Amino acid sequence: MRHSTHPLRVKANAVPAFESYIGLEMIMRSIALVIALTGNTLLNYLFGIIANRYSISSLPILLLACIICMLVLLILIKQTITSKLKI
């Protein structure tokens, strides 16, 4: 007989108390996916407006701005996590 190696199934079979957390994990993944897809759609729309108003040559500027925003978010999140871990 073959046993399931899926991590969620193993958790649920091992400790029944974590079954509610598995449902919560799926909800959080769905929310993250919705946020990512919405952001991608808005970014594409924004670049369409920029390209019509200026030109397609503004793409590197938009990419640089996105990279800077992501780095700032990464630093802020890392600082928040490290401050919560210090006891």
N, C-alpha and C. Protein backbone atom coordinates (compact mmCIF):
# COMPACT_ATOMS: atom_id res chain seq x y z
N MET A 1 0.84 -1.17 0.00
CA MET A 1 0.00 0.00 0.00
C MET A 1 0.89 1.24 0.00
N ARG A 2 0.54 2.19 -0.81
CA ARG A 2 1.31 3.42 -0.96
C ARG A 2 0.84 4.47 0.02
N HIS A 3 1.78 5.10 0.70
CA HIS A 3 1.43 6.15 1.64
C HIS A 3 1.59 7.51 0.96
N SER A 4 0.74 8.45 1.34
CA SER A 4 0.81 9.79 0.79
C SER A 4 2.01 10.54 1.38
N THR A 5 2.75 11.21 0.53
CA THR A 5 3.87 12.01 1.00
C THR A 5 3.55 13.50 0.93
N HIS A 6 2.33 13.82 0.63
CA HIS A 6 1.93 15.23 0.57
C HIS A 6 2.03 15.82 1.98
N PRO A 7 2.75 16.94 2.16
CA PRO A 7 3.00 17.45 3.51
C PRO A 7 1.73 17.82 4.28
N LEU A 8 0.72 18.32 3.59
CA LEU A 8 -0.50 18.69 4.29
C LEU A 8 -1.25 17.46 4.77
N ARG A 9 -1.24 16.42 3.96
CA ARG A 9 -1.92 15.19 4.35
C ARG A 9 -1.21 14.53 5.52
N VAL A 10 0.10 14.57 5.52
CA VAL A 10 0.85 13.98 6.62
C VAL A 10 0.54 14.71 7.92
N LYS A 11 0.50 16.06 7.87
CA LYS A 11 0.18 16.84 9.07
C LYS A 11 -1.22 16.50 9.58
N ALA A 12 -2.17 16.42 8.67
CA ALA A 12 -3.55 16.17 9.07
C ALA A 12 -3.70 14.77 9.66
N ASN A 13 -3.01 13.80 9.10
CA ASN A 13 -3.11 12.44 9.61
C ASN A 13 -2.35 12.29 10.93
N ALA A 14 -1.26 13.02 11.09
CA ALA A 14 -0.45 12.87 12.28
C ALA A 14 -1.12 13.49 13.50
N VAL A 15 -1.64 14.71 13.37
CA VAL A 15 -2.26 15.40 14.49
C VAL A 15 -3.57 16.01 14.01
N PRO A 16 -4.71 15.44 14.40
CA PRO A 16 -5.99 15.94 13.94
C PRO A 16 -6.28 17.38 14.36
N ALA A 17 -5.62 17.88 15.40
CA ALA A 17 -5.87 19.25 15.86
C ALA A 17 -5.41 20.27 14.83
N PHE A 18 -4.51 19.89 13.92
CA PHE A 18 -4.00 20.85 12.94
C PHE A 18 -4.84 20.92 11.67
N GLU A 19 -5.93 20.17 11.61
CA GLU A 19 -6.77 20.20 10.41
C GLU A 19 -7.33 21.58 10.14
N SER A 20 -7.68 22.34 11.20
CA SER A 20 -8.20 23.68 10.98
C SER A 20 -7.12 24.61 10.46
N TYR A 21 -5.85 24.38 10.85
CA TYR A 21 -4.76 25.21 10.35
C TYR A 21 -4.50 24.96 8.87
N ILE A 22 -4.76 23.75 8.41
CA ILE A 22 -4.58 23.45 7.00
C ILE A 22 -5.57 24.25 6.17
N GLY A 23 -6.80 24.34 6.61
CA GLY A 23 -7.79 25.16 5.93
C GLY A 23 -7.40 26.62 5.94
N LEU A 24 -6.88 27.09 7.06
CA LEU A 24 -6.43 28.48 7.16
C LEU A 24 -5.25 28.74 6.23
N GLU A 25 -4.36 27.77 6.12
CA GLU A 25 -3.21 27.92 5.22
C GLU A 25 -3.67 28.06 3.77
N MET A 26 -4.65 27.29 3.39
CA MET A 26 -5.17 27.38 2.02
C MET A 26 -5.84 28.73 1.78
N ILE A 27 -6.55 29.24 2.77
CA ILE A 27 -7.17 30.55 2.64
C ILE A 27 -6.11 31.63 2.48
N MET A 28 -5.04 31.56 3.27
CA MET A 28 -3.98 32.56 3.18
C MET A 28 -3.26 32.49 1.84
N ARG A 29 -3.06 31.29 1.31
CA ARG A 29 -2.45 31.17 -0.02
C ARG A 29 -3.35 31.78 -1.07
N SER A 30 -4.66 31.58 -0.95
CA SER A 30 -5.60 32.15 -1.91
C SER A 30 -5.58 33.67 -1.85
N ILE A 31 -5.53 34.22 -0.64
CA ILE A 31 -5.49 35.67 -0.49
C ILE A 31 -4.21 36.23 -1.10
N ALA A 32 -3.08 35.57 -0.86
CA ALA A 32 -1.80 36.02 -1.43
C ALA A 32 -1.85 35.97 -2.95
N LEU A 33 -2.47 34.94 -3.50
CA LEU A 33 -2.59 34.82 -4.95
C LEU A 33 -3.45 35.94 -5.52
N VAL A 34 -4.55 36.26 -4.86
CA VAL A 34 -5.43 37.34 -5.31
C VAL A 34 -4.68 38.67 -5.28
N ILE A 35 -3.92 38.92 -4.21
CA ILE A 35 -3.16 40.16 -4.11
C ILE A 35 -2.11 40.24 -5.23
N ALA A 36 -1.41 39.13 -5.49
CA ALA A 36 -0.38 39.11 -6.53
C ALA A 36 -0.98 39.35 -7.91
N LEU A 37 -2.08 38.68 -8.21
CA LEU A 37 -2.70 38.85 -9.53
C LEU A 37 -3.28 40.24 -9.71
N THR A 38 -3.86 40.80 -8.65
CA THR A 38 -4.39 42.16 -8.73
C THR A 38 -3.26 43.16 -8.96
N GLY A 39 -2.16 42.99 -8.23
CA GLY A 39 -1.02 43.88 -8.42
C GLY A 39 -0.45 43.79 -9.81
N ASN A 40 -0.36 42.58 -10.35
CA ASN A 40 0.15 42.40 -11.71
C ASN A 40 -0.77 43.07 -12.73
N THR A 41 -2.07 42.92 -12.56
CA THR A 41 -3.02 43.54 -13.48
C THR A 41 -2.92 45.06 -13.42
N LEU A 42 -2.84 45.61 -12.21
CA LEU A 42 -2.74 47.06 -12.07
C LEU A 42 -1.42 47.58 -12.63
N LEU A 43 -0.35 46.83 -12.45
CA LEU A 43 0.94 47.26 -12.98
C LEU A 43 0.92 47.26 -14.51
N ASN A 44 0.32 46.26 -15.11
CA ASN A 44 0.20 46.22 -16.57
C ASN A 44 -0.64 47.40 -17.08
N TYR A 45 -1.74 47.68 -16.39
CA TYR A 45 -2.59 48.81 -16.77
C TYR A 45 -1.84 50.13 -16.63
N LEU A 46 -1.11 50.29 -15.53
CA LEU A 46 -0.33 51.50 -15.30
C LEU A 46 0.72 51.68 -16.39
N PHE A 47 1.40 50.62 -16.76
CA PHE A 47 2.40 50.76 -17.80
C PHE A 47 1.77 51.06 -19.15
N GLY A 48 0.59 50.54 -19.41
CA GLY A 48 -0.12 50.90 -20.64
C GLY A 48 -0.40 52.39 -20.71
N ILE A 49 -0.81 52.97 -19.60
CA ILE A 49 -1.05 54.41 -19.55
C ILE A 49 0.26 55.17 -19.76
N ILE A 50 1.32 54.74 -19.08
CA ILE A 50 2.63 55.41 -19.22
C ILE A 50 3.14 55.30 -20.65
N ALA A 51 3.01 54.12 -21.26
CA ALA A 51 3.51 53.92 -22.62
C ALA A 51 2.72 54.77 -23.61
N ASN A 52 1.42 54.94 -23.42
CA ASN A 52 0.63 55.78 -24.32
C ASN A 52 0.97 57.25 -24.14
N ARG A 53 1.17 57.66 -22.92
CA ARG A 53 1.44 59.08 -22.66
C ARG A 53 2.86 59.47 -23.03
N TYR A 54 3.83 58.63 -22.71
CA TYR A 54 5.24 58.95 -22.98
C TYR A 54 5.76 58.07 -24.10
N SER A 55 6.35 56.95 -23.77
CA SER A 55 6.80 56.00 -24.79
C SER A 55 7.17 54.69 -24.11
N ILE A 56 7.45 53.69 -24.92
CA ILE A 56 7.82 52.39 -24.39
C ILE A 56 9.21 52.44 -23.75
N SER A 57 9.96 53.48 -24.03
CA SER A 57 11.30 53.59 -23.46
C SER A 57 11.27 53.87 -21.96
N SER A 58 10.08 54.11 -21.38
CA SER A 58 9.99 54.31 -19.93
C SER A 58 9.93 53.00 -19.16
N LEU A 59 9.97 51.86 -19.85
CA LEU A 59 9.92 50.57 -19.17
C LEU A 59 11.08 50.37 -18.18
N PRO A 60 12.32 50.69 -18.54
CA PRO A 60 13.40 50.51 -17.55
C PRO A 60 13.20 51.34 -16.29
N ILE A 61 12.63 52.53 -16.43
CA ILE A 61 12.37 53.37 -15.25
C ILE A 61 11.32 52.72 -14.36
N LEU A 62 10.27 52.18 -14.99
CA LEU A 62 9.23 51.50 -14.22
C LEU A 62 9.79 50.26 -13.53
N LEU A 63 10.62 49.51 -14.22
CA LEU A 63 11.22 48.31 -13.62
C LEU A 63 12.12 48.69 -12.45
N LEU A 64 12.90 49.74 -12.61
CA LEU A 64 13.77 50.20 -11.53
C LEU A 64 12.95 50.65 -10.33
N ALA A 65 11.86 51.36 -10.57
CA ALA A 65 10.98 51.79 -9.48
C ALA A 65 10.37 50.59 -8.77
N CYS A 66 9.96 49.57 -9.51
CA CYS A 66 9.40 48.35 -8.89
C CYS A 66 10.44 47.62 -8.05
N ILE A 67 11.66 47.54 -8.55
CA ILE A 67 12.73 46.87 -7.80
C ILE A 67 13.02 47.62 -6.51
N ILE A 68 13.06 48.95 -6.57
CA ILE A 68 13.31 49.74 -5.37
C ILE A 68 12.19 49.54 -4.36
N CYS A 69 10.94 49.54 -4.82
CA CYS A 69 9.80 49.31 -3.91
C CYS A 69 9.89 47.94 -3.25
N MET A 70 10.25 46.92 -4.03
CA MET A 70 10.36 45.58 -3.46
C MET A 70 11.49 45.49 -2.45
N LEU A 71 12.61 46.16 -2.71
CA LEU A 71 13.72 46.15 -1.76
C LEU A 71 13.35 46.86 -0.46
N VAL A 72 12.64 47.98 -0.58
CA VAL A 72 12.19 48.70 0.62
C VAL A 72 11.25 47.81 1.44
N LEU A 73 10.31 47.16 0.77
CA LEU A 73 9.39 46.25 1.47
C LEU A 73 10.15 45.11 2.13
N LEU A 74 11.13 44.55 1.43
CA LEU A 74 11.92 43.46 1.99
C LEU A 74 12.65 43.90 3.25
N ILE A 75 13.25 45.07 3.22
CA ILE A 75 13.98 45.57 4.39
C ILE A 75 13.02 45.82 5.56
N LEU A 76 11.87 46.42 5.28
CA LEU A 76 10.90 46.68 6.35
C LEU A 76 10.37 45.39 6.96
N ILE A 77 10.06 44.41 6.14
CA ILE A 77 9.55 43.14 6.64
C ILE A 77 10.63 42.42 7.44
N LYS A 78 11.87 42.45 6.95
CA LYS A 78 12.96 41.80 7.67
C LYS A 78 13.18 42.44 9.03
N GLN A 79 13.12 43.77 9.10
CA GLN A 79 13.28 44.46 10.38
C GLN A 79 12.14 44.11 11.33
N THR A 80 10.93 44.02 10.82
CA THR A 80 9.79 43.67 11.65
C THR A 80 9.93 42.26 12.21
N ILE A 81 10.34 41.33 11.38
CA ILE A 81 10.48 39.95 11.82
C ILE A 81 11.60 39.82 12.86
N THR A 82 12.75 40.47 12.60
CA THR A 82 13.85 40.36 13.53
C THR A 82 13.54 41.04 14.86
N SER A 83 12.75 42.11 14.83
CA SER A 83 12.40 42.77 16.08
C SER A 83 11.41 41.91 16.90
N LYS A 84 10.58 41.14 16.23
CA LYS A 84 9.65 40.26 16.94
C LYS A 84 10.35 39.02 17.48
N LEU A 85 11.44 38.62 16.86
CA LEU A 85 12.15 37.42 17.32
C LEU A 85 13.02 37.70 18.52
N LYS A 86 13.43 38.95 18.72
CA LYS A 86 14.23 39.29 19.89
C LYS A 86 13.35 39.30 21.13
N ILE A 87 13.73 38.49 22.10
CA ILE A 87 12.90 38.35 23.31
C ILE A 87 13.54 39.05 24.46
